[in-house]
């Protein structure tokens, strides 16, 4: 699931590792610590 979200954000032009929000003193990412862009399905 994290890979699909990272790929969708990549297609929208958003770098998923830089998209963070602060919650209870910690920076969170939508793709958490996982998530890689799936390059083969983009071709």
PDB file of N, CA and C in Angstrom:
ATOM      1  N   UNK A   1       0.816  -1.188   0.000  1.00  0.00           N
ATOM      2  CA  UNK A   1       0.000   0.000   0.000  1.00  0.00           C
ATOM      3  C   UNK A   1       0.869   1.265   0.000  1.00  0.00           C
ATOM      4  N   UNK A   2       1.941   1.246   0.756  1.00  0.00           N
ATOM      5  CA  UNK A   2       2.815   2.413   0.809  1.00  0.00           C
ATOM      6  C   UNK A   2       3.447   2.676  -0.552  1.00  0.00           C
ATOM      7  N   UNK A   3       3.785   1.612  -1.274  1.00  0.00           N
ATOM      8  CA  UNK A   3       4.387   1.780  -2.600  1.00  0.00           C
ATOM      9  C   UNK A   3       3.402   2.417  -3.576  1.00  0.00           C
ATOM     10  N   UNK A   4       2.144   2.021  -3.506  1.00  0.00           N
ATOM     11  CA  UNK A   4       1.140   2.609  -4.400  1.00  0.00           C
ATOM     12  C   UNK A   4       0.918   4.082  -4.084  1.00  0.00           C
ATOM     13  N   UNK A   5       0.898   4.436  -2.798  1.00  0.00           N
ATOM     14  CA  UNK A   5       0.745   5.838  -2.432  1.00  0.00           C
ATOM     15  C   UNK A   5       1.953   6.653  -2.879  1.00  0.00           C
ATOM     16  N   UNK A   6       3.142   6.102  -2.711  1.00  0.00           N
ATOM     17  CA  UNK A   6       4.346   6.800  -3.144  1.00  0.00           C
ATOM     18  C   UNK A   6       4.337   6.995  -4.652  1.00  0.00           C
ATOM     19  N   UNK A   7       3.886   5.998  -5.396  1.00  0.00           N
ATOM     20  CA  UNK A   7       3.824   6.089  -6.851  1.00  0.00           C
ATOM     21  C   UNK A   7       2.788   7.112  -7.288  1.00  0.00           C
ATOM     22  N   UNK A   8       1.630   7.127  -6.644  1.00  0.00           N
ATOM     23  CA  UNK A   8       0.585   8.100  -6.988  1.00  0.00           C
ATOM     24  C   UNK A   8       1.055   9.520  -6.706  1.00  0.00           C
ATOM     25  N   UNK A   9       1.718   9.735  -5.577  1.00  0.00           N
ATOM     26  CA  UNK A   9       2.247  11.064  -5.267  1.00  0.00           C
ATOM     27  C   UNK A   9       3.319  11.470  -6.266  1.00  0.00           C
ATOM     28  N   UNK A  10       4.132  10.518  -6.695  1.00  0.00           N
ATOM     29  CA  UNK A  10       5.159  10.799  -7.696  1.00  0.00           C
ATOM     30  C   UNK A  10       4.518  11.253  -9.005  1.00  0.00           C
ATOM     31  N   UNK A  11       3.442  10.608  -9.390  1.00  0.00           N
ATOM     32  CA  UNK A  11       2.741  10.982 -10.618  1.00  0.00           C
ATOM     33  C   UNK A  11       2.145  12.385 -10.516  1.00  0.00           C
ATOM     34  N   UNK A  12       1.794  12.796  -9.298  1.00  0.00           N
ATOM     35  CA  UNK A  12       1.254  14.145  -9.087  1.00  0.00           C
ATOM     36  C   UNK A  12       2.353  15.194  -8.952  1.00  0.00           C
ATOM     37  N   UNK A  13       3.600  14.740  -8.950  1.00  0.00           N
ATOM     38  CA  UNK A  13       4.715  15.668  -8.855  1.00  0.00           C
ATOM     39  C   UNK A  13       5.100  16.014  -7.430  1.00  0.00           C
ATOM     40  N   UNK A  14       4.698  15.178  -6.471  1.00  0.00           N
ATOM     41  CA  UNK A  14       4.990  15.422  -5.060  1.00  0.00           C
ATOM     42  C   UNK A  14       6.018  14.405  -4.590  1.00  0.00           C
ATOM     43  N   UNK A  15       7.080  14.882  -3.961  1.00  0.00           N
ATOM     44  CA  UNK A  15       8.108  13.986  -3.437  1.00  0.00           C
ATOM     45  C   UNK A  15       7.608  13.436  -2.106  1.00  0.00           C
ATOM     46  N   UNK A  16       7.304  12.145  -2.051  1.00  0.00           N
ATOM     47  CA  UNK A  16       6.630  11.566  -0.894  1.00  0.00           C
ATOM     48  C   UNK A  16       7.483  11.591   0.367  1.00  0.00           C
ATOM     49  N   UNK A  17       8.803  11.665   0.253  1.00  0.00           N
ATOM     50  CA  UNK A  17       9.641  11.707   1.447  1.00  0.00           C
ATOM     51  C   UNK A  17       9.707  13.105   2.051  1.00  0.00           C
ATOM     52  N   UNK A  18       9.394  14.117   1.281  1.00  0.00           N
ATOM     53  CA  UNK A  18       9.415  15.491   1.789  1.00  0.00           C
ATOM     54  C   UNK A  18       8.043  15.943   2.271  1.00  0.00           C
ATOM     55  N   UNK A  19       6.989  15.188   1.951  1.00  0.00           N
ATOM     56  CA  UNK A  19       5.625  15.524   2.370  1.00  0.00           C
ATOM     57  C   UNK A  19       5.428  15.025   3.801  1.00  0.00           C
ATOM     58  N   UNK A  20       5.599  15.927   4.766  1.00  0.00           N
ATOM     59  CA  UNK A  20       5.507  15.544   6.176  1.00  0.00           C
ATOM     60  C   UNK A  20       4.533  16.461   6.897  1.00  0.00           C
ATOM     61  N   UNK A  21       4.033  15.980   8.026  1.00  0.00           N
ATOM     62  CA  UNK A  21       3.227  16.797   8.906  1.00  0.00           C
ATOM     63  C   UNK A  21       3.619  16.455  10.341  1.00  0.00           C
ATOM     64  N   UNK A  22       3.535  17.438  11.201  1.00  0.00           N
ATOM     65  CA  UNK A  22       3.924  17.260  12.595  1.00  0.00           C
ATOM     66  C   UNK A  22       2.687  16.891  13.412  1.00  0.00           C
ATOM     67  N   UNK A  23       2.810  15.824  14.198  1.00  0.00           N
ATOM     68  CA  UNK A  23       1.733  15.387  15.064  1.00  0.00           C
ATOM     69  C   UNK A  23       2.346  14.896  16.364  1.00  0.00           C
ATOM     70  N   UNK A  24       1.939  15.474  17.465  1.00  0.00           N
ATOM     71  CA  UNK A  24       2.425  15.144  18.801  1.00  0.00           C
ATOM     72  C   UNK A  24       3.952  15.165  18.878  1.00  0.00           C
ATOM     73  N   UNK A  25       4.556  16.175  18.260  1.00  0.00           N
ATOM     74  CA  UNK A  25       5.985  16.371  18.350  1.00  0.00           C
ATOM     75  C   UNK A  25       6.826  15.513  17.431  1.00  0.00           C
ATOM     76  N   UNK A  26       6.191  14.761  16.538  1.00  0.00           N
ATOM     77  CA  UNK A  26       6.936  13.897  15.617  1.00  0.00           C
ATOM     78  C   UNK A  26       6.517  14.203  14.194  1.00  0.00           C
ATOM     79  N   UNK A  27       7.468  14.176  13.272  1.00  0.00           N
ATOM     80  CA  UNK A  27       7.152  14.362  11.854  1.00  0.00           C
ATOM     81  C   UNK A  27       6.691  13.036  11.271  1.00  0.00           C
ATOM     82  N   UNK A  28       5.542  13.048  10.631  1.00  0.00           N
ATOM     83  CA  UNK A  28       4.983  11.856  10.000  1.00  0.00           C
ATOM     84  C   UNK A  28       4.933  12.058   8.495  1.00  0.00           C
ATOM     85  N   UNK A  29       5.050  10.963   7.769  1.00  0.00           N
ATOM     86  CA  UNK A  29       4.889  10.968   6.320  1.00  0.00           C
ATOM     87  C   UNK A  29       3.693  10.099   5.965  1.00  0.00           C
ATOM     88  N   UNK A  30       3.060  10.396   4.844  1.00  0.00           N
ATOM     89  CA  UNK A  30       1.941   9.584   4.387  1.00  0.00           C
ATOM     90  C   UNK A  30       2.390   8.157   4.114  1.00  0.00           C
ATOM     91  N   UNK A  31       3.593   8.004   3.602  1.00  0.00           N
ATOM     92  CA  UNK A  31       4.107   6.668   3.294  1.00  0.00           C
ATOM     93  C   UNK A  31       4.937   6.094   4.430  1.00  0.00           C
ATOM     94  N   UNK A  32       4.947   6.761   5.594  1.00  0.00           N
ATOM     95  CA  UNK A  32       5.670   6.337   6.791  1.00  0.00           C
ATOM     96  C   UNK A  32       7.133   6.071   6.452  1.00  0.00           C
ATOM     97  N   UNK A  33       7.735   5.042   6.966  1.00  0.00           N
ATOM     98  CA  UNK A  33       9.142   4.765   6.673  1.00  0.00           C
ATOM     99  C   UNK A  33       9.284   3.839   5.473  1.00  0.00           C
ATOM    100  N   UNK A  34       8.170   3.373   4.965  1.00  0.00           N
ATOM    101  CA  UNK A  34       8.167   2.482   3.810  1.00  0.00           C
ATOM    102  C   UNK A  34       7.810   3.293   2.572  1.00  0.00           C
ATOM    103  N   UNK A  35       7.650   2.634   1.492  1.00  0.00           N
ATOM    104  CA  UNK A  35       7.172   3.289   0.288  1.00  0.00           C
ATOM    105  C   UNK A  35       8.265   3.641  -0.686  1.00  0.00           C
ATOM    106  N   UNK A  36       8.249   2.976  -1.800  1.00  0.00           N
ATOM    107  CA  UNK A  36       9.157   3.257  -2.907  1.00  0.00           C
ATOM    108  C   UNK A  36       8.315   3.418  -4.159  1.00  0.00           C
ATOM    109  N   UNK A  37       8.760   4.306  -5.030  1.00  0.00           N
ATOM    110  CA  UNK A  37       8.066   4.508  -6.307  1.00  0.00           C
ATOM    111  C   UNK A  37       8.278   3.262  -7.153  1.00  0.00           C
ATOM    112  N   UNK A  38       7.171   2.730  -7.675  1.00  0.00           N
ATOM    113  CA  UNK A  38       7.237   1.518  -8.507  1.00  0.00           C
ATOM    114  C   UNK A  38       7.456   1.969  -9.948  1.00  0.00           C
ATOM    115  N   UNK A  39       8.702   1.943 -10.376  1.00  0.00           N
ATOM    116  CA  UNK A  39       9.070   2.441 -11.710  1.00  0.00           C
ATOM    117  C   UNK A  39       8.540   1.567 -12.850  1.00  0.00           C
ATOM    118  N   UNK A  40       8.504   0.224 -12.736  1.00  0.00           N
ATOM    119  CA  UNK A  40       8.047  -0.583 -13.869  1.00  0.00           C
ATOM    120  C   UNK A  40       6.610  -0.322 -14.307  1.00  0.00           C
ATOM    121  N   UNK A  41       5.727   0.078 -13.382  1.00  0.00           N
ATOM    122  CA  UNK A  41       4.344   0.324 -13.806  1.00  0.00           C
ATOM    123  C   UNK A  41       4.162   1.714 -14.409  1.00  0.00           C
ATOM    124  N   UNK A  42       5.204   2.539 -14.327  1.00  0.00           N
ATOM    125  CA  UNK A  42       5.132   3.876 -14.904  1.00  0.00           C
ATOM    126  C   UNK A  42       5.519   3.877 -16.386  1.00  0.00           C
ATOM    127  N   UNK A  43       6.162   2.836 -16.831  1.00  0.00           N
ATOM    128  CA  UNK A  43       6.635   2.798 -18.214  1.00  0.00           C
ATOM    129  C   UNK A  43       5.531   2.515 -19.207  1.00  0.00           C
TER     130      UNK A  43
END
